[in-house]
Amino acid sequence: APRALRAVGIAAIIAPSFARIFYRNALNLGLPLFQAELSADVADGADATIDRSSGVLTVGGYARQLPPPPLWLRQVWDEGGVIAYYLNHGRLPLGEAR
């Protein structure tokens, strides 16, 4: 499903939750996912802008702070996915220490 969404021009997805397999496939392809409940704030199909670094979502002049993604995740997105990151850096991205 993430591959088809990218193929039709979807640049990012915001949803209340994601199935684990969908999340992993999107990560592998470099498709940004943001987890947030927006049903009362944004109409389906509305044009939006997301600052991927800060997590700020702007829709028609309305701005909302989404949880900002960690640096390693933004790096994977910027490279176009996990495989592209690995091919460009010779290693997998390291997540933040827990």
N, C-alpha and C. Protein backbone atom coordinates (compact mmCIF):
# COMPACT_ATOMS: atom_id res chain seq x y z
N ALA A 1 0.81 -1.21 0.00
CA ALA A 1 0.00 0.00 0.00
C ALA A 1 0.85 1.27 0.00
N PRO A 2 1.92 1.39 0.81
CA PRO A 2 2.72 2.61 0.76
C PRO A 2 3.32 2.87 -0.63
N ARG A 3 3.70 1.82 -1.33
CA ARG A 3 4.27 1.98 -2.67
C ARG A 3 3.24 2.60 -3.62
N ALA A 4 2.01 2.14 -3.55
CA ALA A 4 0.94 2.69 -4.40
C ALA A 4 0.66 4.14 -4.04
N LEU A 5 0.66 4.46 -2.76
CA LEU A 5 0.42 5.84 -2.34
C LEU A 5 1.51 6.78 -2.84
N ARG A 6 2.75 6.34 -2.77
CA ARG A 6 3.85 7.16 -3.32
C ARG A 6 3.70 7.31 -4.82
N ALA A 7 3.29 6.25 -5.49
CA ALA A 7 3.17 6.28 -6.95
C ALA A 7 2.14 7.30 -7.43
N VAL A 8 1.13 7.57 -6.62
CA VAL A 8 0.11 8.56 -7.01
C VAL A 8 0.40 9.95 -6.46
N GLY A 9 1.57 10.12 -5.85
CA GLY A 9 2.00 11.46 -5.44
C GLY A 9 1.76 11.84 -4.00
N ILE A 10 1.38 10.89 -3.16
CA ILE A 10 1.20 11.19 -1.74
C ILE A 10 2.59 11.40 -1.13
N ALA A 11 2.81 12.56 -0.50
CA ALA A 11 4.13 12.90 0.03
C ALA A 11 4.28 12.53 1.50
N ALA A 12 3.17 12.43 2.24
CA ALA A 12 3.20 12.07 3.65
C ALA A 12 1.79 11.67 4.06
N ILE A 13 1.68 10.94 5.16
CA ILE A 13 0.38 10.50 5.66
C ILE A 13 0.29 10.83 7.14
N ILE A 14 -0.87 11.37 7.52
CA ILE A 14 -1.18 11.64 8.92
C ILE A 14 -2.39 10.80 9.27
N ALA A 15 -2.29 10.00 10.32
CA ALA A 15 -3.40 9.14 10.73
C ALA A 15 -3.30 8.89 12.23
N PRO A 16 -4.42 8.48 12.86
CA PRO A 16 -4.40 8.20 14.29
C PRO A 16 -3.51 7.02 14.66
N SER A 17 -3.38 6.05 13.74
CA SER A 17 -2.52 4.89 14.00
C SER A 17 -2.17 4.22 12.67
N PHE A 18 -1.17 3.37 12.73
CA PHE A 18 -0.73 2.63 11.54
C PHE A 18 -0.49 1.18 11.93
N ALA A 19 -0.88 0.26 11.04
CA ALA A 19 -0.52 -1.14 11.26
C ALA A 19 1.00 -1.26 11.17
N ARG A 20 1.55 -2.16 11.94
CA ARG A 20 3.01 -2.30 11.98
C ARG A 20 3.60 -2.56 10.59
N ILE A 21 2.97 -3.43 9.80
CA ILE A 21 3.50 -3.74 8.47
C ILE A 21 3.44 -2.51 7.57
N PHE A 22 2.39 -1.72 7.68
CA PHE A 22 2.27 -0.50 6.88
C PHE A 22 3.38 0.47 7.28
N TYR A 23 3.61 0.62 8.59
CA TYR A 23 4.66 1.51 9.08
C TYR A 23 6.03 1.08 8.55
N ARG A 24 6.32 -0.21 8.64
CA ARG A 24 7.62 -0.71 8.18
C ARG A 24 7.79 -0.52 6.67
N ASN A 25 6.76 -0.80 5.91
CA ASN A 25 6.84 -0.62 4.47
C ASN A 25 7.03 0.85 4.11
N ALA A 26 6.33 1.74 4.78
CA ALA A 26 6.49 3.17 4.53
C ALA A 26 7.91 3.61 4.89
N LEU A 27 8.43 3.14 6.00
CA LEU A 27 9.80 3.47 6.41
C LEU A 27 10.79 2.98 5.35
N ASN A 28 10.61 1.75 4.90
CA ASN A 28 11.51 1.20 3.88
C ASN A 28 11.50 2.02 2.60
N LEU A 29 10.36 2.63 2.27
CA LEU A 29 10.23 3.43 1.04
C LEU A 29 10.52 4.91 1.25
N GLY A 30 10.69 5.33 2.51
CA GLY A 30 10.94 6.74 2.78
C GLY A 30 9.68 7.59 2.75
N LEU A 31 8.52 6.99 2.95
CA LEU A 31 7.25 7.73 2.98
C LEU A 31 7.00 8.21 4.40
N PRO A 32 7.00 9.52 4.64
CA PRO A 32 6.81 10.04 5.99
C PRO A 32 5.41 9.74 6.54
N LEU A 33 5.37 9.24 7.77
CA LEU A 33 4.13 9.01 8.50
C LEU A 33 4.16 9.83 9.78
N PHE A 34 3.05 10.47 10.06
CA PHE A 34 2.89 11.23 11.30
C PHE A 34 1.65 10.70 12.00
N GLN A 35 1.78 10.37 13.28
CA GLN A 35 0.65 9.83 14.02
C GLN A 35 -0.01 10.95 14.80
N ALA A 36 -1.27 11.26 14.44
CA ALA A 36 -2.04 12.30 15.11
C ALA A 36 -3.51 12.14 14.76
N GLU A 37 -4.37 12.54 15.66
CA GLU A 37 -5.82 12.54 15.43
C GLU A 37 -6.21 13.92 14.94
N LEU A 38 -6.63 14.01 13.70
CA LEU A 38 -6.95 15.31 13.09
C LEU A 38 -8.37 15.39 12.56
N SER A 39 -9.21 14.42 12.84
CA SER A 39 -10.53 14.36 12.20
C SER A 39 -11.35 15.62 12.41
N ALA A 40 -11.20 16.29 13.53
CA ALA A 40 -11.98 17.51 13.79
C ALA A 40 -11.32 18.75 13.19
N ASP A 41 -10.05 18.65 12.82
CA ASP A 41 -9.29 19.83 12.38
C ASP A 41 -9.11 19.94 10.87
N VAL A 42 -9.07 18.81 10.17
CA VAL A 42 -8.71 18.81 8.75
C VAL A 42 -9.69 17.94 7.97
N ALA A 43 -10.19 18.47 6.87
CA ALA A 43 -11.09 17.70 6.01
C ALA A 43 -10.29 16.71 5.16
N ASP A 44 -10.88 15.57 4.87
CA ASP A 44 -10.24 14.60 3.98
C ASP A 44 -9.91 15.27 2.66
N GLY A 45 -8.72 15.01 2.16
CA GLY A 45 -8.31 15.54 0.87
C GLY A 45 -7.82 16.98 0.90
N ALA A 46 -7.77 17.59 2.06
CA ALA A 46 -7.31 18.98 2.16
C ALA A 46 -5.82 19.05 1.84
N ASP A 47 -5.42 20.11 1.15
CA ASP A 47 -4.00 20.34 0.89
C ASP A 47 -3.34 20.81 2.17
N ALA A 48 -2.19 20.26 2.46
CA ALA A 48 -1.50 20.59 3.70
C ALA A 48 0.00 20.66 3.45
N THR A 49 0.68 21.35 4.34
CA THR A 49 2.14 21.42 4.32
C THR A 49 2.65 20.94 5.67
N ILE A 50 3.64 20.06 5.64
CA ILE A 50 4.24 19.56 6.88
C ILE A 50 5.72 19.90 6.85
N ASP A 51 6.17 20.57 7.90
CA ASP A 51 7.61 20.77 8.08
C ASP A 51 8.12 19.49 8.73
N ARG A 52 8.81 18.67 7.96
CA ARG A 52 9.22 17.36 8.45
C ARG A 52 10.22 17.44 9.60
N SER A 53 10.96 18.52 9.70
CA SER A 53 11.92 18.66 10.79
C SER A 53 11.24 18.99 12.11
N SER A 54 10.32 19.95 12.08
CA SER A 54 9.69 20.41 13.32
C SER A 54 8.38 19.70 13.62
N GLY A 55 7.75 19.11 12.59
CA GLY A 55 6.46 18.48 12.80
C GLY A 55 5.29 19.44 12.75
N VAL A 56 5.48 20.65 12.23
CA VAL A 56 4.38 21.62 12.15
C VAL A 56 3.56 21.36 10.89
N LEU A 57 2.27 21.16 11.09
CA LEU A 57 1.32 20.94 10.00
C LEU A 57 0.56 22.25 9.77
N THR A 58 0.50 22.71 8.52
CA THR A 58 -0.24 23.92 8.17
C THR A 58 -1.29 23.56 7.12
N VAL A 59 -2.53 23.92 7.43
CA VAL A 59 -3.66 23.70 6.51
C VAL A 59 -4.46 24.99 6.46
N GLY A 60 -4.45 25.65 5.30
CA GLY A 60 -5.23 26.87 5.13
C GLY A 60 -4.99 27.93 6.19
N GLY A 61 -3.75 28.16 6.54
CA GLY A 61 -3.42 29.18 7.53
C GLY A 61 -3.49 28.71 8.97
N TYR A 62 -4.01 27.53 9.19
CA TYR A 62 -4.09 26.95 10.52
C TYR A 62 -2.86 26.07 10.73
N ALA A 63 -2.15 26.27 11.84
CA ALA A 63 -0.95 25.48 12.12
C ALA A 63 -1.16 24.65 13.37
N ARG A 64 -0.65 23.44 13.34
CA ARG A 64 -0.74 22.54 14.49
C ARG A 64 0.58 21.80 14.63
N GLN A 65 1.04 21.68 15.86
CA GLN A 65 2.28 20.97 16.15
C GLN A 65 2.01 19.48 16.26
N LEU A 66 2.63 18.70 15.39
CA LEU A 66 2.60 17.25 15.49
C LEU A 66 3.87 16.80 16.20
N PRO A 67 3.90 15.59 16.74
CA PRO A 67 5.14 15.13 17.36
C PRO A 67 6.29 15.17 16.35
N PRO A 68 7.37 15.89 16.65
CA PRO A 68 8.48 15.96 15.69
C PRO A 68 9.20 14.62 15.59
N PRO A 69 9.53 14.22 14.37
CA PRO A 69 10.23 12.94 14.20
C PRO A 69 11.68 13.05 14.64
N PRO A 70 12.25 11.94 15.11
CA PRO A 70 13.67 11.96 15.49
C PRO A 70 14.57 12.15 14.27
N LEU A 71 15.78 12.59 14.52
CA LEU A 71 16.74 12.88 13.45
C LEU A 71 16.96 11.68 12.53
N TRP A 72 17.17 10.49 13.09
CA TRP A 72 17.46 9.31 12.25
C TRP A 72 16.32 9.04 11.27
N LEU A 73 15.09 9.28 11.70
CA LEU A 73 13.94 9.04 10.83
C LEU A 73 13.89 10.07 9.70
N ARG A 74 14.16 11.32 10.02
CA ARG A 74 14.22 12.36 8.98
C ARG A 74 15.32 12.05 7.97
N GLN A 75 16.44 11.50 8.44
CA GLN A 75 17.53 11.15 7.53
C GLN A 75 17.11 10.04 6.57
N VAL A 76 16.37 9.05 7.07
CA VAL A 76 15.87 7.98 6.21
C VAL A 76 14.91 8.55 5.17
N TRP A 77 14.00 9.43 5.59
CA TRP A 77 13.08 10.07 4.65
C TRP A 77 13.85 10.84 3.58
N ASP A 78 14.85 11.61 4.01
CA ASP A 78 15.61 12.44 3.07
C ASP A 78 16.35 11.60 2.03
N GLU A 79 16.78 10.42 2.43
CA GLU A 79 17.52 9.53 1.51
C GLU A 79 16.60 8.74 0.60
N GLY A 80 15.30 8.69 0.93
CA GLY A 80 14.36 7.94 0.10
C GLY A 80 14.06 6.54 0.61
N GLY A 81 14.40 6.26 1.85
CA GLY A 81 14.09 4.96 2.45
C GLY A 81 15.32 4.29 3.04
N VAL A 82 15.09 3.16 3.68
CA VAL A 82 16.15 2.45 4.39
C VAL A 82 17.22 1.93 3.43
N ILE A 83 16.83 1.32 2.33
CA ILE A 83 17.82 0.78 1.38
C ILE A 83 18.66 1.90 0.78
N ALA A 84 18.01 2.99 0.38
CA ALA A 84 18.75 4.13 -0.18
C ALA A 84 19.71 4.69 0.85
N TYR A 85 19.28 4.76 2.11
CA TYR A 85 20.17 5.24 3.17
C TYR A 85 21.39 4.33 3.27
N TYR A 86 21.14 3.03 3.29
CA TYR A 86 22.24 2.07 3.41
C TYR A 86 23.20 2.17 2.22
N LEU A 87 22.66 2.27 1.03
CA LEU A 87 23.52 2.37 -0.16
C LEU A 87 24.36 3.64 -0.15
N ASN A 88 23.82 4.73 0.38
CA ASN A 88 24.54 6.00 0.41
C ASN A 88 25.52 6.13 1.57
N HIS A 89 25.29 5.38 2.67
CA HIS A 89 26.11 5.55 3.87
C HIS A 89 26.86 4.29 4.28
N GLY A 90 26.52 3.15 3.69
CA GLY A 90 27.20 1.90 4.04
C GLY A 90 26.83 1.35 5.40
N ARG A 91 25.75 1.85 5.97
CA ARG A 91 25.29 1.37 7.28
C ARG A 91 23.81 1.71 7.42
N LEU A 92 23.17 1.08 8.38
CA LEU A 92 21.79 1.41 8.67
C LEU A 92 21.75 2.60 9.62
N PRO A 93 20.67 3.38 9.59
CA PRO A 93 20.58 4.51 10.51
C PRO A 93 20.43 4.01 11.94
N LEU A 94 21.00 4.73 12.86
CA LEU A 94 20.89 4.37 14.27
C LEU A 94 19.78 5.19 14.90
N GLY A 95 18.84 4.50 15.52
CA GLY A 95 17.77 5.19 16.24
C GLY A 95 18.33 5.82 17.50
N GLU A 96 17.51 6.67 18.11
CA GLU A 96 17.93 7.31 19.36
C GLU A 96 18.03 6.27 20.46
N ALA A 97 18.95 6.48 21.37
CA ALA A 97 19.10 5.58 22.51
C ALA A 97 17.84 5.64 23.36
N ARG A 98 17.45 4.50 23.88
CA ARG A 98 16.23 4.46 24.70
C ARG A 98 16.58 4.33 26.14
